[in-house]
């Protein structure tokens, strides 16, 4: 295995609730596998309880397929009026439809999720989960007793696993789950991120996948994590749809995002908005490869007058970089690679470069130049461009056009990490 993936750890995985965002957690699982990180235990709430059971089964391709095929019809029986509300298509909703949707939810005691019940029984064979090497647990909440249940697999009565998973995933708009005469609601009302379950079993290395909301107990655990260096939190940088959006295309995005965010969390990728492998200061390399006249023109575009008494390196580090730092408001950043990354990410966001990909600084710059030629701006975007980005982009595009691009090469290991990423959906 290439040194790109050499992390060797055994962890407890904690999965939060988050409804239709659940494919993100499967993407995290795939990345942990590729990193060589062994999952010793998995504890989850709501959709995290469902995904935890899938992880205990151990068939990642099966789990990915289940999410990439999941639709509304696999989860709930709802009329079109209710679906429009859940998808926040309020402008498509007529007043009679809104009244009908509210009446149905109230009169029927919530949304019917019998399709989900059937799916869970089909997808999650209880005996295999009980015999798994991966220890499993979930959180549910009894509204009959006003009492939380943090249940490990050995605490769940035989034949009742599907019932308790459904009780854990009982979103407030769903019909209440009943077990032994007790009504249950989504475990997230008590603990959406059950770190406590992992601690109680003695796990010191914990990976938390947080895709939802936080209960009071979660906040307390989070505050505790500031003094615990062995907890790694992984969260989506961007959300798609709503908590109750079950759509294959949305799941595809979450699956990819989960994979990428995990690699970033373990130091394999960098960037705040994009995923960059081994960042480098490509702007500096291109600038210093130009002749003196071209350097003067580039500096002029950035509103900088170069000091001829300085060497090309000094001109860049003492005059150009400070200006880029100012233009990007990275006032406390002095690392040339970080400043270059800041510049590239600002431009990439503005020109709407695809985010769910792995780039190098070189390939991200190339995509920015390509996207800029096809860019159309609305009124507010054009104002923002004039105020914040015009000088930066004119400078960057000039050095890209005139610098020696043959000096830019992809770092070692890039092809392998891209290949693994491309295989996520295969």
Protein backbone atom coordinates (compact mmCIF):
# COMPACT_ATOMS: atom_id res chain seq x y z
CA UNK A 1 0.00 0.00 0.00
CA UNK A 2 1.31 3.48 -0.88
CA UNK A 3 2.33 5.82 1.94
CA UNK A 4 -0.73 7.95 1.10
CA UNK A 5 -2.75 5.52 3.24
CA UNK A 6 -0.69 4.29 6.16
CA UNK A 7 -2.72 5.21 9.25
CA UNK A 8 -3.19 2.19 11.52
CA UNK A 9 -5.72 2.65 14.33
CA UNK A 10 -8.58 0.85 16.02
CA UNK A 11 -11.48 3.14 16.91
CA UNK A 12 -15.01 3.30 18.22
CA UNK A 13 -17.25 4.99 15.67
CA UNK A 14 -20.08 7.20 16.94
CA UNK A 15 -22.80 8.10 14.42
CA UNK A 16 -25.28 10.91 14.98
CA UNK A 17 -28.82 11.16 13.70
CA UNK A 18 -29.41 13.19 10.57
CA UNK A 19 -32.09 11.56 8.44
CA UNK A 20 -31.49 11.74 4.70
CA UNK A 21 -27.88 12.80 5.25
CA UNK A 22 -27.04 9.26 6.33
CA UNK A 23 -25.09 8.34 3.18
CA UNK A 24 -22.39 10.69 4.48
CA UNK A 25 -21.62 8.20 7.26
CA UNK A 26 -21.15 5.40 4.75
CA UNK A 27 -18.66 7.59 2.88
CA UNK A 28 -16.79 8.04 6.16
CA UNK A 29 -16.75 4.27 6.62
CA UNK A 30 -15.26 3.79 3.15
CA UNK A 31 -12.53 6.34 3.88
CA UNK A 32 -11.70 4.76 7.24
CA UNK A 33 -11.32 1.43 5.44
CA UNK A 34 -8.98 2.97 2.88
CA UNK A 35 -6.97 4.58 5.67
CA UNK A 36 -6.50 1.21 7.32
CA UNK A 37 -8.49 2.23 10.40
CA UNK A 38 -10.26 -0.68 12.08
CA UNK A 39 -13.73 -0.07 13.51
CA UNK A 40 -13.95 -2.01 16.77
CA UNK A 41 -17.36 -0.70 17.82
CA UNK A 42 -20.15 1.47 16.45
CA UNK A 43 -22.78 3.34 18.45
CA UNK A 44 -25.50 5.42 16.84
CA UNK A 45 -28.69 7.37 17.17
CA UNK A 46 -31.56 7.50 14.66
CA UNK A 47 -30.12 7.07 11.14
CA UNK A 48 -26.82 6.53 12.92
CA UNK A 49 -28.36 3.43 14.53
CA UNK A 50 -29.36 2.17 11.07
CA UNK A 51 -25.93 2.85 9.61
CA UNK A 52 -24.28 1.39 12.68
CA UNK A 53 -26.08 -1.88 12.05
CA UNK A 54 -24.96 -1.81 8.41
CA UNK A 55 -21.38 -1.28 9.53
CA UNK A 56 -21.66 -4.15 12.00
CA UNK A 57 -22.70 -6.34 9.06
CA UNK A 58 -19.44 -5.38 7.36
CA UNK A 59 -20.56 -5.24 3.71
CA UNK A 60 -19.70 -1.74 2.57
CA UNK A 61 -20.78 -2.25 -1.05
CA UNK A 62 -24.18 -3.42 0.17
CA UNK A 63 -24.49 -0.34 2.39
CA UNK A 64 -23.54 2.03 -0.43
CA UNK A 65 -26.01 0.37 -2.78
CA UNK A 66 -28.80 0.64 -0.20
CA UNK A 67 -28.27 4.38 0.20
CA UNK A 68 -27.79 5.12 -3.49
CA UNK A 69 -31.12 3.47 -4.24
CA UNK A 70 -33.11 4.83 -1.29
CA UNK A 71 -36.11 7.05 -2.12
CA UNK A 72 -39.00 8.59 -0.21
CA UNK A 73 -41.10 5.55 -1.03
CA UNK A 74 -38.58 3.31 0.75
CA UNK A 75 -39.01 5.28 3.96
CA UNK A 76 -42.56 6.54 4.26
CA UNK A 77 -46.08 6.50 2.85
CA UNK A 78 -47.05 10.11 2.29
CA UNK A 79 -49.36 12.08 -0.03
CA UNK A 80 -47.84 14.62 -2.38
CA UNK A 81 -48.94 17.55 -0.19
CA UNK A 82 -46.92 16.27 2.79
CA UNK A 83 -43.95 15.48 0.58
CA UNK A 84 -43.84 19.07 -0.68
CA UNK A 85 -43.60 20.28 2.91
CA UNK A 86 -40.83 17.82 3.78
CA UNK A 87 -38.88 18.89 0.70
CA UNK A 88 -39.53 22.58 1.49
CA UNK A 89 -41.25 23.15 -1.83
CA UNK A 90 -43.55 25.66 -0.18
CA UNK A 91 -44.13 27.72 -3.31
CA UNK A 92 -45.47 24.60 -5.04
CA UNK A 93 -47.99 24.13 -2.23
CA UNK A 94 -51.53 25.45 -2.56
CA UNK A 95 -53.52 26.50 0.50
CA UNK A 96 -55.86 23.47 0.24
CA UNK A 97 -52.81 21.19 0.00
CA UNK A 98 -51.25 22.77 3.09
CA UNK A 99 -54.46 22.27 5.04
CA UNK A 100 -54.72 18.68 3.81
CA UNK A 101 -51.10 17.95 4.79
CA UNK A 102 -51.58 19.29 8.32
CA UNK A 103 -54.86 17.38 8.72
CA UNK A 104 -53.31 14.11 7.60
CA UNK A 105 -50.29 14.37 9.91
CA UNK A 106 -52.46 15.26 12.93
CA UNK A 107 -55.37 12.88 12.32
CA UNK A 108 -53.15 9.92 11.48
CA UNK A 109 -50.85 10.45 14.44
CA UNK A 110 -47.82 11.14 12.29
CA UNK A 111 -46.27 9.89 9.06
CA UNK A 112 -46.55 6.21 8.26
CA UNK A 113 -43.05 4.68 8.00
CA UNK A 114 -44.06 1.07 7.43
CA UNK A 115 -41.84 0.95 4.29
CA UNK A 116 -38.85 1.76 6.50
CA UNK A 117 -39.82 -1.01 8.90
CA UNK A 118 -39.89 -3.50 6.04
CA UNK A 119 -36.56 -2.23 4.67
CA UNK A 120 -34.83 -2.55 8.04
CA UNK A 121 -36.01 -6.13 8.43
CA UNK A 122 -34.76 -6.93 4.93
CA UNK A 123 -31.43 -5.15 5.16
CA UNK A 124 -30.39 -5.86 8.75
CA UNK A 125 -30.40 -9.57 9.66
CA UNK A 126 -30.32 -9.61 13.46
CA UNK A 127 -28.27 -12.76 13.94
CA UNK A 128 -25.38 -11.45 11.82
CA UNK A 129 -25.29 -8.18 13.74
CA UNK A 130 -25.26 -10.03 17.07
CA UNK A 131 -22.38 -12.21 15.86
CA UNK A 132 -20.40 -9.32 14.37
CA UNK A 133 -16.88 -8.58 15.56
CA UNK A 134 -17.94 -4.93 15.65
CA UNK A 135 -19.72 -4.15 18.90
CA UNK A 136 -23.02 -2.32 18.36
CA UNK A 137 -25.30 -0.05 20.36
CA UNK A 138 -28.06 2.52 19.92
CA UNK A 139 -30.00 5.25 21.72
CA UNK A 140 -33.79 5.46 22.01
CA UNK A 141 -36.09 7.56 24.18
CA UNK A 142 -39.31 6.45 25.86
CA UNK A 143 -41.84 9.26 25.99
CA UNK A 144 -44.09 7.03 28.10
CA UNK A 145 -41.46 7.01 30.85
CA UNK A 146 -39.56 10.18 29.89
CA UNK A 147 -36.50 7.98 30.02
CA UNK A 148 -33.53 7.44 27.67
CA UNK A 149 -32.36 3.97 26.68
CA UNK A 150 -28.69 3.53 25.77
CA UNK A 151 -28.70 -0.08 24.68
CA UNK A 152 -25.79 -2.26 23.67
CA UNK A 153 -26.53 -5.23 21.45
CA UNK A 154 -26.44 -7.61 24.44
CA UNK A 155 -29.12 -5.51 26.19
CA UNK A 156 -31.63 -5.78 23.33
CA UNK A 157 -34.00 -8.77 23.65
CA UNK A 158 -33.68 -11.46 20.98
CA UNK A 159 -35.87 -10.78 17.97
CA UNK A 160 -36.38 -7.11 18.90
CA UNK A 161 -33.41 -5.45 17.18
CA UNK A 162 -35.43 -4.02 14.29
CA UNK A 163 -38.00 -2.61 16.72
CA UNK A 164 -35.36 -0.79 18.75
CA UNK A 165 -33.61 0.52 15.64
CA UNK A 166 -36.95 1.91 14.46
CA UNK A 167 -37.59 3.44 17.88
CA UNK A 168 -34.18 5.12 17.75
CA UNK A 169 -34.99 6.50 14.29
CA UNK A 170 -38.49 7.68 15.17
CA UNK A 171 -38.35 11.24 13.83
CA UNK A 172 -40.85 13.53 15.64
CA UNK A 173 -43.11 13.73 12.56
CA UNK A 174 -43.36 9.92 12.35
CA UNK A 175 -45.97 7.74 14.03
CA UNK A 176 -44.71 6.70 17.45
CA UNK A 177 -43.03 3.31 17.81
CA UNK A 178 -44.44 1.09 20.53
CA UNK A 179 -42.45 -1.60 22.35
CA UNK A 180 -43.96 -3.47 25.28
CA UNK A 181 -46.68 -0.87 25.72
CA UNK A 182 -44.17 2.00 25.78
CA UNK A 183 -44.07 4.72 23.13
CA UNK A 184 -40.68 5.78 21.79
CA UNK A 185 -39.39 8.82 19.95
CA UNK A 186 -36.11 9.52 18.15
CA UNK A 187 -33.14 8.96 20.43
CA UNK A 188 -31.70 12.27 19.27
CA UNK A 189 -33.98 14.14 21.68
CA UNK A 190 -31.72 12.83 24.45
CA UNK A 191 -28.36 12.16 22.80
CA UNK A 192 -27.84 12.57 19.11
CA UNK A 193 -24.11 11.85 19.44
CA UNK A 194 -23.74 9.01 21.96
CA UNK A 195 -20.04 9.41 22.76
CA UNK A 196 -20.84 8.29 26.29
CA UNK A 197 -21.57 4.77 25.04
CA UNK A 198 -18.06 4.48 23.60
CA UNK A 199 -16.48 5.88 26.77
CA UNK A 200 -18.40 3.48 28.98
CA UNK A 201 -16.98 0.55 27.01
CA UNK A 202 -13.48 1.87 27.57
CA UNK A 203 -12.67 3.09 24.07
CA UNK A 204 -10.08 5.85 24.05
CA UNK A 205 -9.86 6.51 20.32
CA UNK A 206 -13.25 7.71 19.10
CA UNK A 207 -14.37 9.00 15.70
CA UNK A 208 -17.61 11.01 15.75
CA UNK A 209 -19.60 11.52 12.54
CA UNK A 210 -21.88 14.48 13.24
CA UNK A 211 -24.56 15.12 10.60
CA UNK A 212 -27.43 16.43 12.72
CA UNK A 213 -28.58 18.52 15.66
CA UNK A 214 -27.28 18.47 19.23
CA UNK A 215 -29.02 17.63 22.51
CA UNK A 216 -27.83 19.09 25.84
CA UNK A 217 -25.90 15.91 26.66
CA UNK A 218 -24.09 16.18 23.32
CA UNK A 219 -22.95 19.72 24.11
CA UNK A 220 -21.54 18.59 27.44
CA UNK A 221 -19.68 15.75 25.75
CA UNK A 222 -18.37 18.15 23.14
CA UNK A 223 -17.01 20.49 25.82
CA UNK A 224 -15.30 17.52 27.42
CA UNK A 225 -13.69 16.65 24.08
CA UNK A 226 -11.59 19.83 24.23
CA UNK A 227 -9.38 18.10 26.79
CA UNK A 228 -9.56 14.74 25.03
CA UNK A 229 -7.22 14.62 22.05
CA UNK A 230 -8.40 11.15 21.04
CA UNK A 231 -11.79 12.22 19.65
CA UNK A 232 -11.94 13.12 15.97
CA UNK A 233 -15.08 14.94 14.78
CA UNK A 234 -16.10 14.66 11.13
CA UNK A 235 -18.83 16.98 9.85
CA UNK A 236 -20.18 17.93 6.40
CA UNK A 237 -18.87 21.19 5.00
CA UNK A 238 -22.07 21.61 3.01
CA UNK A 239 -25.60 20.24 3.26
CA UNK A 240 -27.86 19.09 0.42
CA UNK A 241 -31.65 18.85 0.66
CA UNK A 242 -33.31 18.55 4.08
CA UNK A 243 -33.19 16.08 6.94
CA UNK A 244 -36.02 14.22 5.24
CA UNK A 245 -34.70 14.30 1.69
CA UNK A 246 -34.24 10.76 0.42
CA UNK A 247 -32.94 11.08 -3.10
CA UNK A 248 -30.21 9.03 -4.84
CA UNK A 249 -28.44 12.11 -6.21
CA UNK A 250 -28.36 13.77 -2.79
CA UNK A 251 -27.09 10.52 -1.26
CA UNK A 252 -24.35 10.36 -3.90
CA UNK A 253 -23.12 13.81 -2.91
CA UNK A 254 -23.17 12.96 0.78
CA UNK A 255 -21.31 9.71 0.18
CA UNK A 256 -18.52 11.52 -1.65
CA UNK A 257 -18.43 14.34 0.91
CA UNK A 258 -18.15 11.86 3.79
CA UNK A 259 -15.18 10.22 2.11
CA UNK A 260 -13.41 13.49 1.40
CA UNK A 261 -14.05 15.03 4.82
CA UNK A 262 -12.62 11.95 6.49
CA UNK A 263 -9.42 12.14 4.49
CA UNK A 264 -9.21 15.82 5.46
CA UNK A 265 -9.84 15.02 9.14
CA UNK A 266 -6.90 12.61 9.10
CA UNK A 267 -4.54 15.05 7.40
CA UNK A 268 -4.53 13.56 3.91
CA UNK A 269 -6.29 16.53 2.26
CA UNK A 270 -6.19 20.27 2.96
CA UNK A 271 -8.33 23.34 2.37
CA UNK A 272 -11.39 24.87 4.00
CA UNK A 273 -13.76 24.61 1.05
CA UNK A 274 -11.95 22.37 -1.43
CA UNK A 275 -9.97 19.17 -1.02
CA UNK A 276 -6.34 19.73 -1.95
CA UNK A 277 -3.66 17.07 -1.88
CA UNK A 278 -0.21 18.31 -0.83
CA UNK A 279 -0.80 22.07 -1.33
CA UNK A 280 2.00 24.14 -2.79
CA UNK A 281 2.50 27.78 -3.70
CA UNK A 282 1.88 27.50 -7.43
CA UNK A 283 1.31 31.25 -7.68
CA UNK A 284 4.81 31.89 -6.37
CA UNK A 285 6.37 29.32 -8.69
CA UNK A 286 4.69 30.85 -11.73
CA UNK A 287 5.48 34.42 -10.70
CA UNK A 288 9.18 33.75 -10.18
CA UNK A 289 9.43 31.90 -13.51
CA UNK A 290 8.46 35.01 -15.51
CA UNK A 291 10.86 37.57 -16.96
CA UNK A 292 11.29 40.99 -15.25
CA UNK A 293 8.87 42.82 -17.55
CA UNK A 294 6.15 40.22 -16.98
CA UNK A 295 6.73 40.42 -13.22
CA UNK A 296 6.25 44.20 -13.34
CA UNK A 297 2.98 43.81 -15.27
CA UNK A 298 1.71 41.13 -12.88
CA UNK A 299 2.56 43.29 -9.87
CA UNK A 300 0.83 46.29 -11.49
CA UNK A 301 -2.34 44.24 -11.88
CA UNK A 302 -2.19 43.64 -8.14
CA UNK A 303 -1.54 47.38 -7.51
CA UNK A 304 2.04 46.70 -6.41
CA UNK A 305 5.17 48.50 -7.67
CA UNK A 306 8.13 46.16 -7.48
CA UNK A 307 11.38 47.35 -5.93
CA UNK A 308 14.11 46.70 -8.57
CA UNK A 309 16.73 46.49 -5.83
CA UNK A 310 15.16 43.29 -4.53
CA UNK A 311 15.76 39.82 -5.93
CA UNK A 312 12.80 38.04 -7.60
CA UNK A 313 12.35 35.91 -4.45
CA UNK A 314 12.38 39.00 -2.22
CA UNK A 315 9.92 40.79 -4.52
CA UNK A 316 7.53 37.90 -4.20
CA UNK A 317 7.84 37.24 -0.47
CA UNK A 318 8.14 40.87 0.66
CA UNK A 319 5.80 42.60 -1.79
CA UNK A 320 3.44 40.19 -3.57
CA UNK A 321 2.57 37.81 -0.71
CA UNK A 322 1.73 40.62 1.76
CA UNK A 323 -0.61 42.08 -0.84
CA UNK A 324 -2.30 38.72 -1.41
CA UNK A 325 -2.65 38.30 2.33
CA UNK A 326 -4.34 41.70 2.54
CA UNK A 327 -6.61 41.08 -0.46
CA UNK A 328 -7.83 37.77 1.00
CA UNK A 329 -8.01 39.11 4.58
CA UNK A 330 -5.63 36.35 5.68
CA UNK A 331 -3.90 38.88 7.90
CA UNK A 332 -2.54 36.36 10.41
CA UNK A 333 -1.34 33.88 7.80
CA UNK A 334 2.30 33.89 6.72
CA UNK A 335 2.78 30.46 5.15
CA UNK A 336 3.01 30.95 1.35
CA UNK A 337 1.24 27.61 0.71
CA UNK A 338 -1.65 28.62 2.96
CA UNK A 339 -1.96 32.05 1.35
CA UNK A 340 -1.95 30.49 -2.11
CA UNK A 341 -4.63 28.02 -1.01
CA UNK A 342 -6.72 30.89 0.35
CA UNK A 343 -6.48 32.71 -2.99
CA UNK A 344 -7.37 29.62 -4.99
CA UNK A 345 -10.34 28.71 -2.80
CA UNK A 346 -11.78 32.23 -2.97
CA UNK A 347 -11.60 32.20 -6.75
CA UNK A 348 -12.84 28.62 -7.06
CA UNK A 349 -15.91 29.37 -4.93
CA UNK A 350 -16.74 32.46 -6.96
CA UNK A 351 -16.39 30.68 -10.29
CA UNK A 352 -18.35 27.70 -8.96
CA UNK A 353 -15.66 25.08 -9.46
CA UNK A 354 -16.87 21.58 -8.50
CA UNK A 355 -16.16 20.99 -4.81
CA UNK A 356 -16.53 17.21 -4.48
CA UNK A 357 -13.22 16.34 -6.13
CA UNK A 358 -9.61 15.92 -5.10
CA UNK A 359 -7.30 18.60 -6.48
CA UNK A 360 -3.70 19.63 -6.31
CA UNK A 361 -2.94 23.35 -6.19
CA UNK A 362 -2.05 23.03 -9.87
CA UNK A 363 -5.26 21.28 -10.96
CA UNK A 364 -7.44 23.62 -8.90
CA UNK A 365 -5.79 26.61 -10.58
CA UNK A 366 -6.40 25.04 -13.98
CA UNK A 367 -10.08 24.49 -13.16
CA UNK A 368 -10.43 28.11 -12.01
CA UNK A 369 -9.05 29.40 -15.32
CA UNK A 370 -11.35 27.05 -17.23
CA UNK A 371 -14.43 27.98 -15.19
CA UNK A 372 -13.75 31.71 -15.50
CA UNK A 373 -14.18 31.57 -19.27
CA UNK A 374 -17.71 30.20 -18.88
CA UNK A 375 -18.75 32.33 -15.94
CA UNK A 376 -21.91 34.41 -15.93
CA UNK A 377 -22.52 36.78 -13.03
CA UNK A 378 -25.66 38.30 -11.63
CA UNK A 379 -25.72 41.91 -10.43
CA UNK A 380 -24.58 41.21 -6.88
CA UNK A 381 -21.86 38.78 -7.98
CA UNK A 382 -20.46 41.35 -10.40
CA UNK A 383 -20.27 43.93 -7.60
CA UNK A 384 -18.50 41.44 -5.32
CA UNK A 385 -16.08 40.58 -8.12
CA UNK A 386 -15.22 44.24 -8.70
CA UNK A 387 -14.70 44.95 -5.02
CA UNK A 388 -12.95 41.79 -3.80
CA UNK A 389 -11.71 39.60 -6.62
CA UNK A 390 -10.91 41.52 -9.80
CA UNK A 391 -7.33 42.45 -8.86
CA UNK A 392 -6.59 38.97 -7.53
CA UNK A 393 -8.01 37.18 -10.54
CA UNK A 394 -6.33 39.42 -13.11
CA UNK A 395 -3.02 38.83 -11.34
CA UNK A 396 -3.50 35.06 -11.02
CA UNK A 397 -4.68 34.61 -14.61
CA UNK A 398 -1.73 36.66 -15.89
CA UNK A 399 0.89 34.61 -14.03
CA UNK A 400 -0.88 31.43 -15.16
CA UNK A 401 -0.77 32.54 -18.80
CA UNK A 402 2.82 33.78 -18.74
CA UNK A 403 4.55 31.63 -16.12
CA UNK A 404 6.32 28.39 -16.93
CA UNK A 405 3.61 25.84 -16.28
CA UNK A 406 6.04 23.00 -16.92
CA UNK A 407 7.48 23.87 -13.49
CA UNK A 408 4.23 22.65 -11.94
CA UNK A 409 3.98 18.90 -11.40
CA UNK A 410 1.50 16.79 -9.44
CA UNK A 411 2.94 15.54 -6.14
CA UNK A 412 3.72 11.87 -5.54
CA UNK A 413 0.69 9.84 -4.47
CA UNK A 414 -1.88 12.06 -6.19
CA UNK A 415 -2.83 9.48 -8.80
CA UNK A 416 -3.43 6.84 -6.15
CA UNK A 417 -5.63 8.98 -3.94
CA UNK A 418 -7.69 10.10 -6.96
CA UNK A 419 -8.10 6.52 -8.13
CA UNK A 420 -9.37 5.43 -4.72
CA UNK A 421 -11.81 8.35 -4.67
CA UNK A 422 -13.10 7.49 -8.14
CA UNK A 423 -13.76 3.94 -6.94
CA UNK A 424 -16.04 5.12 -4.11
CA UNK A 425 -19.13 4.95 -6.32
CA UNK A 426 -18.08 1.92 -8.39
